[in-house]
């Protein structure tokens, strides 16, 4: 699949941190950071900086031009015709802003509730309901064909680009050429650039209108080029796959992506649950799966009453530890994570879809008094845990399964609820030893 980034060391999978906000993105206050069907940080709507382009050194420009010429020859050898290569590269421009964004990494991560506040704001819910109402017949046809509810498709549209108001203005060819030349993941960018050339050659879009994020994600629901080639469909019957201007194409392509990723027709994503006293929080990992009946036997109950969703394999997650809400999530939640490998992202899509469909949002209270931790603080906590025999692997400043396991072991040793959720007070106590 398209998710290409596997975080290593202490994190291995970015499964509980909120998706990072777009670095220096020209976002509206309504916009939350987005993920994409790409595994990249495809969330910036920042415009290319013309002033910065004027400051590119002659050496950098010459190096970029040489790289483009080499890539152009390679693309020709792989079947890209000369007309497409001319369209793509005759006026290719190095984008220093793309490299800035590629190399930037915010020091502070967003708390999950902060991310959800913007991703599932009342305004976004209202706008989502309006979009679904406006495209109700289309959504029903798509659900009949692909099995994916319109509320889920519209929620992804809302989280990814605020319903098309913020899908980025970087020219995809220029962005991917720049990343292929000197980005952090050059091989990945080169592969996506080749895929973008095939899109141009197929006639789905022209170069000037192939726009999106600095990372190469495109259109209303942020497909990278390889995802476009694999999953985009012609939803309006005009012979083109247009995820920039055709809402039928956007919605059908998004539903097709989810369906091909394993979406189970008629199943919910999950439900908010309450956990019994003494619950073993070591089980709150996506890798731990039991049937809904087995979870119920442990005392896991649906918030608001009623039966748990009937899953053969479900996980319990507690994104803010014992002090925050908990959720029972099934296969479709994991399918949403194929779009973006973050539980915060999937929770945003799932709860936004619920609210768009008229169902209640999250009922539990988040521990809003807890300040966000910086990556430096997390890295120092990981170093302290390792030094005290609670192995978390190589310190990397990210919270993942290994770090949570080590933190739970430390919490058990001091007699506090071992939920694996780091707080500043807990870090101060650890570092004072």
Protein backbone atom coordinates (compact mmCIF):
# COMPACT_ATOMS: atom_id res chain seq x y z
CA UNK A 1 0.00 0.00 0.00
CA UNK A 2 0.91 3.65 -0.15
CA UNK A 3 1.86 4.21 3.47
CA UNK A 4 5.57 4.45 2.99
CA UNK A 5 6.88 5.85 6.24
CA UNK A 6 7.70 3.36 8.97
CA UNK A 7 8.96 5.21 12.01
CA UNK A 8 11.67 3.34 13.84
CA UNK A 9 13.27 3.32 17.28
CA UNK A 10 10.90 3.98 20.13
CA UNK A 11 7.93 4.69 17.97
CA UNK A 12 7.83 2.17 15.15
CA UNK A 13 4.24 3.23 14.34
CA UNK A 14 2.81 6.73 14.84
CA UNK A 15 -0.37 5.45 16.36
CA UNK A 16 -1.33 7.74 19.20
CA UNK A 17 0.11 11.16 18.55
CA UNK A 18 -2.10 13.65 16.79
CA UNK A 19 -1.17 14.19 13.20
CA UNK A 20 1.26 17.08 13.16
CA UNK A 21 -0.02 20.48 12.05
CA UNK A 22 1.19 21.76 8.75
CA UNK A 23 4.48 23.60 9.26
CA UNK A 24 4.01 27.23 8.23
CA UNK A 25 0.89 26.37 6.25
CA UNK A 26 -1.38 29.19 5.15
CA UNK A 27 -4.35 27.56 6.84
CA UNK A 28 -7.66 29.02 7.87
CA UNK A 29 -8.59 28.78 11.54
CA UNK A 30 -10.99 26.02 10.51
CA UNK A 31 -8.28 23.88 8.99
CA UNK A 32 -6.73 21.00 10.88
CA UNK A 33 -3.62 19.18 9.83
CA UNK A 34 -4.38 16.58 7.27
CA UNK A 35 -3.10 13.23 6.38
CA UNK A 36 -3.51 11.54 3.08
CA UNK A 37 -3.67 8.38 1.13
CA UNK A 38 0.09 8.63 1.01
CA UNK A 39 1.68 8.30 4.39
CA UNK A 40 3.28 11.69 3.95
CA UNK A 41 2.65 14.95 5.74
CA UNK A 42 0.38 16.05 2.95
CA UNK A 43 -1.20 18.93 4.73
CA UNK A 44 0.35 22.20 3.68
CA UNK A 45 -1.49 24.77 1.63
CA UNK A 46 1.44 27.16 1.81
CA UNK A 47 2.05 28.93 -1.45
CA UNK A 48 5.42 28.69 -3.17
CA UNK A 49 7.57 31.60 -2.10
CA UNK A 50 8.52 33.60 -5.19
CA UNK A 51 10.91 35.74 -3.16
CA UNK A 52 12.68 32.63 -1.91
CA UNK A 53 12.97 31.32 -5.46
CA UNK A 54 14.79 34.52 -6.40
CA UNK A 55 17.38 33.72 -3.71
CA UNK A 56 18.28 30.27 -5.08
CA UNK A 57 22.01 30.17 -5.72
CA UNK A 58 23.25 29.61 -9.27
CA UNK A 59 24.88 26.39 -8.06
CA UNK A 60 21.60 25.05 -6.66
CA UNK A 61 19.71 26.01 -9.79
CA UNK A 62 22.33 24.37 -12.01
CA UNK A 63 22.30 21.23 -9.87
CA UNK A 64 18.52 21.05 -10.06
CA UNK A 65 18.50 21.57 -13.83
CA UNK A 66 21.06 18.78 -14.27
CA UNK A 67 18.99 16.46 -12.09
CA UNK A 68 15.82 17.25 -14.07
CA UNK A 69 17.61 16.55 -17.35
CA UNK A 70 18.80 13.17 -16.04
CA UNK A 71 15.35 12.28 -14.75
CA UNK A 72 13.80 13.37 -18.04
CA UNK A 73 16.01 10.89 -19.90
CA UNK A 74 15.12 8.15 -17.44
CA UNK A 75 11.40 8.86 -17.82
CA UNK A 76 11.71 8.72 -21.62
CA UNK A 77 13.37 5.33 -21.33
CA UNK A 78 10.41 4.14 -19.25
CA UNK A 79 7.80 5.12 -21.81
CA UNK A 80 6.92 8.75 -21.08
CA UNK A 81 6.39 10.53 -24.39
CA UNK A 82 8.21 13.67 -25.43
CA UNK A 83 5.10 15.88 -25.36
CA UNK A 84 4.48 14.96 -21.71
CA UNK A 85 8.12 15.48 -20.80
CA UNK A 86 8.08 18.92 -22.43
CA UNK A 87 4.89 19.87 -20.59
CA UNK A 88 6.33 18.68 -17.29
CA UNK A 89 9.93 19.83 -17.40
CA UNK A 90 10.47 22.63 -19.91
CA UNK A 91 9.72 25.15 -17.17
CA UNK A 92 10.37 23.06 -14.04
CA UNK A 93 11.27 25.25 -11.08
CA UNK A 94 13.25 24.46 -7.95
CA UNK A 95 11.16 25.21 -4.84
CA UNK A 96 13.28 26.05 -1.77
CA UNK A 97 10.11 26.36 0.32
CA UNK A 98 9.41 22.68 -0.29
CA UNK A 99 12.79 21.78 1.19
CA UNK A 100 12.15 24.03 4.19
CA UNK A 101 8.87 22.27 4.87
CA UNK A 102 10.37 18.84 4.27
CA UNK A 103 13.08 19.46 6.84
CA UNK A 104 10.97 21.20 9.45
CA UNK A 105 9.67 19.26 12.42
CA UNK A 106 7.59 20.96 15.11
CA UNK A 107 9.14 20.64 18.55
CA UNK A 108 5.79 20.32 20.28
CA UNK A 109 3.22 17.72 19.33
CA UNK A 110 -0.47 18.54 19.52
CA UNK A 111 -2.56 16.93 22.19
CA UNK A 112 -5.23 14.70 20.71
CA UNK A 113 -8.03 16.91 22.01
CA UNK A 114 -6.46 20.00 20.46
CA UNK A 115 -6.32 18.24 17.12
CA UNK A 116 -9.92 17.04 17.42
CA UNK A 117 -11.13 20.51 18.45
CA UNK A 118 -10.18 21.81 15.01
CA UNK A 119 -10.68 18.66 12.94
CA UNK A 120 -14.18 18.10 14.36
CA UNK A 121 -15.21 21.68 15.06
CA UNK A 122 -18.88 22.68 15.03
CA UNK A 123 -18.26 24.66 11.85
CA UNK A 124 -16.66 21.70 10.14
CA UNK A 125 -19.58 19.50 11.20
CA UNK A 126 -22.08 22.03 9.82
CA UNK A 127 -20.14 22.35 6.57
CA UNK A 128 -19.93 18.57 6.28
CA UNK A 129 -23.67 18.20 6.70
CA UNK A 130 -24.21 20.82 4.02
CA UNK A 131 -21.83 19.01 1.64
CA UNK A 132 -23.51 15.67 2.28
CA UNK A 133 -26.96 17.18 1.74
CA UNK A 134 -25.80 18.80 -1.49
CA UNK A 135 -24.43 15.49 -2.79
CA UNK A 136 -26.88 13.09 -1.15
CA UNK A 137 -27.86 11.19 -4.30
CA UNK A 138 -24.21 10.85 -5.32
CA UNK A 139 -23.25 9.62 -1.84
CA UNK A 140 -26.00 7.01 -1.93
CA UNK A 141 -24.85 5.73 -5.32
CA UNK A 142 -21.27 5.53 -4.09
CA UNK A 143 -22.26 3.70 -0.92
CA UNK A 144 -24.27 1.20 -2.95
CA UNK A 145 -21.27 0.55 -5.19
CA UNK A 146 -18.39 0.64 -2.71
CA UNK A 147 -20.07 0.01 0.65
CA UNK A 148 -18.57 3.14 2.22
CA UNK A 149 -21.05 5.56 3.87
CA UNK A 150 -21.21 9.06 2.48
CA UNK A 151 -20.57 10.48 5.95
CA UNK A 152 -17.16 8.76 6.05
CA UNK A 153 -16.21 10.00 2.57
CA UNK A 154 -17.29 13.55 3.41
CA UNK A 155 -15.42 13.40 6.75
CA UNK A 156 -12.19 12.48 4.98
CA UNK A 157 -12.82 15.34 2.56
CA UNK A 158 -13.29 17.68 5.53
CA UNK A 159 -10.20 16.59 7.45
CA UNK A 160 -7.97 16.43 4.38
CA UNK A 161 -8.71 19.78 2.78
CA UNK A 162 -11.56 21.47 4.67
CA UNK A 163 -13.88 20.48 1.83
CA UNK A 164 -11.56 21.68 -0.88
CA UNK A 165 -10.74 25.10 0.53
CA UNK A 166 -7.21 24.10 1.47
CA UNK A 167 -5.69 21.37 -0.67
CA UNK A 168 -2.53 23.23 -1.48
CA UNK A 169 -1.23 25.38 -4.30
CA UNK A 170 2.16 23.86 -5.02
CA UNK A 171 2.61 22.61 -8.56
CA UNK A 172 3.02 18.87 -8.05
CA UNK A 173 5.71 18.41 -10.70
CA UNK A 174 7.85 21.19 -9.20
CA UNK A 175 7.34 19.95 -5.63
CA UNK A 176 8.21 16.33 -6.42
CA UNK A 177 11.15 17.33 -8.64
CA UNK A 178 12.54 19.41 -5.77
CA UNK A 179 12.08 16.55 -3.30
CA UNK A 180 13.59 14.08 -5.75
CA UNK A 181 16.60 16.32 -6.12
CA UNK A 182 17.37 16.89 -2.44
CA UNK A 183 14.50 15.85 -0.18
CA UNK A 184 14.78 13.50 2.77
CA UNK A 185 13.18 10.63 0.85
CA UNK A 186 14.51 11.06 -2.64
CA UNK A 187 13.69 7.56 -3.93
CA UNK A 188 10.09 7.90 -2.78
CA UNK A 189 9.75 11.33 -4.41
CA UNK A 190 11.22 10.06 -7.67
CA UNK A 191 8.73 7.23 -7.77
CA UNK A 192 5.87 9.65 -7.18
CA UNK A 193 7.21 11.99 -9.85
CA UNK A 194 7.19 9.15 -12.38
CA UNK A 195 3.60 8.40 -11.38
CA UNK A 196 2.70 12.08 -11.83
CA UNK A 197 4.11 11.98 -15.38
CA UNK A 198 1.89 9.00 -16.15
CA UNK A 199 -1.14 10.98 -14.94
CA UNK A 200 -0.23 13.82 -17.31
CA UNK A 201 0.31 11.39 -20.15
CA UNK A 202 -3.07 9.76 -19.49
CA UNK A 203 -4.74 13.16 -19.87
CA UNK A 204 -6.51 13.18 -16.50
CA UNK A 205 -5.20 16.66 -15.67
CA UNK A 206 -2.76 19.19 -17.13
CA UNK A 207 0.38 20.38 -15.41
CA UNK A 208 -0.95 23.77 -14.38
CA UNK A 209 -3.94 22.27 -12.62
CA UNK A 210 -2.03 19.39 -10.98
CA UNK A 211 -1.61 21.11 -7.64
CA UNK A 212 -1.53 20.14 -4.00
CA UNK A 213 0.66 20.04 -0.94
CA UNK A 214 4.40 20.52 -0.74
CA UNK A 215 4.74 16.75 -0.23
CA UNK A 216 3.02 15.87 -3.49
CA UNK A 217 -0.48 15.02 -2.21
CA UNK A 218 -3.14 16.29 -4.57
CA UNK A 219 -6.72 17.41 -4.74
CA UNK A 220 -9.67 17.46 -2.38
CA UNK A 221 -8.76 14.24 -0.55
CA UNK A 222 -4.99 14.39 -0.98
CA UNK A 223 -3.94 11.43 -3.13
CA UNK A 224 -0.28 11.08 -3.92
CA UNK A 225 0.30 10.24 -7.60
CA UNK A 226 0.82 6.49 -7.08
CA UNK A 227 -2.42 6.31 -5.09
CA UNK A 228 -4.15 8.24 -7.86
CA UNK A 229 -3.00 5.73 -10.46
CA UNK A 230 -4.11 2.80 -8.32
CA UNK A 231 -7.40 4.04 -6.87
CA UNK A 232 -8.75 7.16 -8.59
CA UNK A 233 -11.90 6.53 -10.64
CA UNK A 234 -14.05 8.46 -13.07
CA UNK A 235 -17.15 9.19 -11.05
CA UNK A 236 -18.90 11.53 -13.49
CA UNK A 237 -18.36 9.56 -16.69
CA UNK A 238 -16.41 12.20 -18.62
CA UNK A 239 -13.47 9.87 -19.28
CA UNK A 240 -11.09 11.63 -16.88
CA UNK A 241 -10.23 11.15 -13.22
CA UNK A 242 -10.32 14.66 -11.81
CA UNK A 243 -9.83 14.87 -8.02
CA UNK A 244 -9.27 18.62 -8.29
CA UNK A 245 -12.48 19.79 -9.94
CA UNK A 246 -15.01 16.94 -10.05
CA UNK A 247 -16.77 16.13 -6.77
CA UNK A 248 -18.15 12.83 -8.19
CA UNK A 249 -14.56 11.81 -9.01
CA UNK A 250 -13.34 12.94 -5.59
CA UNK A 251 -15.98 11.02 -3.65
CA UNK A 252 -15.87 7.88 -5.78
CA UNK A 253 -12.07 7.77 -5.70
CA UNK A 254 -11.99 8.14 -1.92
CA UNK A 255 -14.60 5.42 -1.46
CA UNK A 256 -12.72 3.16 -3.87
CA UNK A 257 -9.50 3.63 -1.90
CA UNK A 258 -11.24 2.61 1.32
CA UNK A 259 -13.05 -0.31 -0.30
CA UNK A 260 -9.84 -1.66 -1.84
CA UNK A 261 -8.16 -1.23 1.57
CA UNK A 262 -10.65 -3.63 3.16
CA UNK A 263 -13.66 -1.56 4.21
CA UNK A 264 -16.38 -3.86 5.59
CA UNK A 265 -19.81 -2.90 4.32
CA UNK A 266 -22.38 -2.26 7.04
CA UNK A 267 -19.93 -2.21 9.93
CA UNK A 268 -19.32 0.84 12.13
CA UNK A 269 -15.85 2.08 12.88
CA UNK A 270 -16.29 1.41 16.59
CA UNK A 271 -17.78 3.02 19.67
CA UNK A 272 -16.81 5.02 22.73
CA UNK A 273 -16.59 2.73 25.75
CA UNK A 274 -16.04 2.80 29.50
CA UNK A 275 -13.38 0.61 31.05
CA UNK A 276 -13.77 -1.23 34.37
CA UNK A 277 -11.75 -0.52 37.50
CA UNK A 278 -8.44 -2.30 37.40
CA UNK A 279 -8.45 -2.62 33.61
CA UNK A 280 -5.08 -3.67 32.21
CA UNK A 281 -4.01 -0.75 30.05
CA UNK A 282 -1.30 -2.87 28.45
CA UNK A 283 -4.19 -4.08 26.29
CA UNK A 284 -4.80 -0.61 24.83
CA UNK A 285 -2.70 -1.25 21.73
CA UNK A 286 -3.98 -1.81 18.21
CA UNK A 287 -1.92 -4.99 18.12
CA UNK A 288 -4.15 -6.47 20.86
CA UNK A 289 -7.35 -7.83 19.31
CA UNK A 290 -10.24 -9.73 20.87
CA UNK A 291 -13.84 -10.27 19.95
CA UNK A 292 -16.40 -7.80 21.22
CA UNK A 293 -17.77 -10.58 23.43
CA UNK A 294 -14.36 -11.11 25.01
CA UNK A 295 -14.01 -7.38 25.70
CA UNK A 296 -17.50 -7.30 27.22
CA UNK A 297 -16.53 -10.20 29.47
CA UNK A 298 -13.74 -8.01 30.85
CA UNK A 299 -16.26 -5.29 31.71
CA UNK A 300 -15.81 -3.04 28.67
CA UNK A 301 -19.18 -1.33 28.15
CA UNK A 302 -20.58 1.01 25.53
CA UNK A 303 -20.97 4.61 26.66
CA UNK A 304 -24.69 5.43 26.71
CA UNK A 305 -25.69 1.79 27.02
CA UNK A 306 -26.52 -0.84 24.46
CA UNK A 307 -24.48 -3.66 23.01
CA UNK A 308 -20.94 -3.25 21.77
CA UNK A 309 -20.49 -3.36 17.99
CA UNK A 310 -20.22 -6.98 16.92
CA UNK A 311 -16.57 -7.37 15.92
CA UNK A 312 -14.69 -10.63 15.57
CA UNK A 313 -11.48 -8.69 16.12
CA UNK A 314 -11.48 -5.36 17.94
CA UNK A 315 -8.98 -3.26 19.85
CA UNK A 316 -9.39 -0.88 22.75
CA UNK A 317 -7.55 2.44 22.55
CA UNK A 318 -7.19 5.12 25.20
CA UNK A 319 -5.46 8.04 23.44
CA UNK A 320 -5.08 10.09 26.66
CA UNK A 321 -4.58 7.23 29.08
CA UNK A 322 -6.78 6.47 32.06
CA UNK A 323 -7.90 10.10 32.42
CA UNK A 324 -9.46 10.37 28.96
CA UNK A 325 -12.08 8.64 26.81
CA UNK A 326 -11.61 5.09 25.53
CA UNK A 327 -12.83 3.48 22.32
CA UNK A 328 -13.49 0.00 20.96
CA UNK A 329 -12.36 0.05 17.32
CA UNK A 330 -12.89 -2.51 14.61
CA UNK A 331 -11.61 -3.28 11.10
CA UNK A 332 -12.98 -0.12 9.49
CA UNK A 333 -11.08 2.06 11.95
CA UNK A 334 -7.91 0.32 10.80
CA UNK A 335 -8.92 0.94 7.18
CA UNK A 336 -9.15 4.67 7.90
CA UNK A 337 -5.62 4.40 9.27
CA UNK A 338 -4.52 3.13 5.86
CA UNK A 339 -5.24 6.68 4.74
CA UNK A 340 -3.10 8.11 7.54
CA UNK A 341 -1.37 5.91 10.12
CA UNK A 342 -2.42 7.92 13.17
CA UNK A 343 -5.12 6.95 15.64
CA UNK A 344 -5.82 10.65 16.15
CA UNK A 345 -6.47 11.08 12.44
CA UNK A 346 -8.72 8.02 12.29
CA UNK A 347 -10.58 9.16 15.39
CA UNK A 348 -11.10 12.58 13.82
CA UNK A 349 -12.54 11.08 10.63
CA UNK A 350 -14.71 8.62 12.56
CA UNK A 351 -16.18 11.14 14.98
CA UNK A 352 -16.62 13.81 12.31
CA UNK A 353 -18.56 11.25 10.25
CA UNK A 354 -20.70 10.41 13.28
CA UNK A 355 -21.58 14.03 13.85
CA UNK A 356 -22.24 14.70 10.17
CA UNK A 357 -24.66 11.76 10.27
CA UNK A 358 -26.41 13.21 13.35
CA UNK A 359 -24.92 10.87 15.92
CA UNK A 360 -23.33 12.21 19.11
CA UNK A 361 -19.67 13.02 19.33
CA UNK A 362 -17.23 11.99 22.03
CA UNK A 363 -18.89 12.04 25.43
CA UNK A 364 -15.92 11.58 27.76
CA UNK A 365 -13.78 14.44 29.00
CA UNK A 366 -10.19 14.92 27.94
CA UNK A 367 -7.52 15.88 30.51
CA UNK A 368 -7.27 19.37 29.07
CA UNK A 369 -5.09 20.68 31.86
CA UNK A 370 -2.23 18.47 30.68
CA UNK A 371 0.25 20.55 28.67
CA UNK A 372 1.74 19.24 25.47
CA UNK A 373 5.16 17.63 25.69
CA UNK A 374 8.01 18.64 23.45
CA UNK A 375 9.98 16.09 21.49
CA UNK A 376 12.98 17.03 23.61
CA UNK A 377 11.07 16.20 26.79
CA UNK A 378 9.93 12.88 25.36
CA UNK A 379 13.46 12.03 24.26
CA UNK A 380 14.81 12.84 27.73
CA UNK A 381 12.06 10.69 29.28
CA UNK A 382 13.03 7.82 27.00
CA UNK A 383 16.68 8.20 28.00
CA UNK A 384 15.71 8.19 31.67
CA UNK A 385 13.56 5.08 31.25
CA UNK A 386 16.40 3.26 29.50
CA UNK A 387 18.86 4.32 32.21
CA UNK A 388 16.57 2.85 34.89
CA UNK A 389 16.10 -0.48 33.15
CA UNK A 390 12.75 0.19 31.48
CA UNK A 391 13.85 -0.46 27.91
CA UNK A 392 12.12 1.61 25.23
CA UNK A 393 14.66 1.30 22.42
CA UNK A 394 16.52 4.17 20.80
CA UNK A 395 15.27 7.55 22.09
CA UNK A 396 13.63 9.40 19.24
CA UNK A 397 11.25 11.90 20.87
CA UNK A 398 8.12 10.06 19.71
CA UNK A 399 5.58 8.09 21.71
CA UNK A 400 4.98 4.60 20.31
CA UNK A 401 4.28 1.07 21.59
CA UNK A 402 7.80 0.52 22.95
CA UNK A 403 7.79 3.76 24.89
CA UNK A 404 4.33 3.10 26.30
CA UNK A 405 5.38 -0.40 27.39
CA UNK A 406 8.45 0.94 29.20
CA UNK A 407 6.45 3.74 30.76
CA UNK A 408 3.80 1.29 31.99
CA UNK A 409 6.53 -0.82 33.62
CA UNK A 410 7.83 2.28 35.39
CA UNK A 411 4.32 3.28 36.49
CA UNK A 412 3.75 -0.17 37.97
CA UNK A 413 7.01 0.13 39.87
CA UNK A 414 5.83 3.32 41.60
CA UNK A 415 2.26 2.16 42.19
CA UNK A 416 0.32 4.41 39.80
CA UNK A 417 -2.14 3.37 37.11
CA UNK A 418 0.04 1.87 34.35
CA UNK A 419 -1.67 3.45 31.36
CA UNK A 420 1.51 4.35 29.45
CA UNK A 421 0.45 7.97 29.06
CA UNK A 422 3.27 10.47 29.68
CA UNK A 423 2.62 13.63 31.67
CA UNK A 424 4.96 16.36 32.78
CA UNK A 425 4.46 15.36 36.42
CA UNK A 426 5.39 11.77 35.63
CA UNK A 427 8.47 12.85 33.70
CA UNK A 428 9.60 15.10 36.55
CA UNK A 429 9.21 12.24 39.01
CA UNK A 430 11.15 9.89 36.74
CA UNK A 431 13.98 12.32 36.19
CA UNK A 432 14.22 13.10 39.91
CA UNK A 433 15.25 9.51 40.70
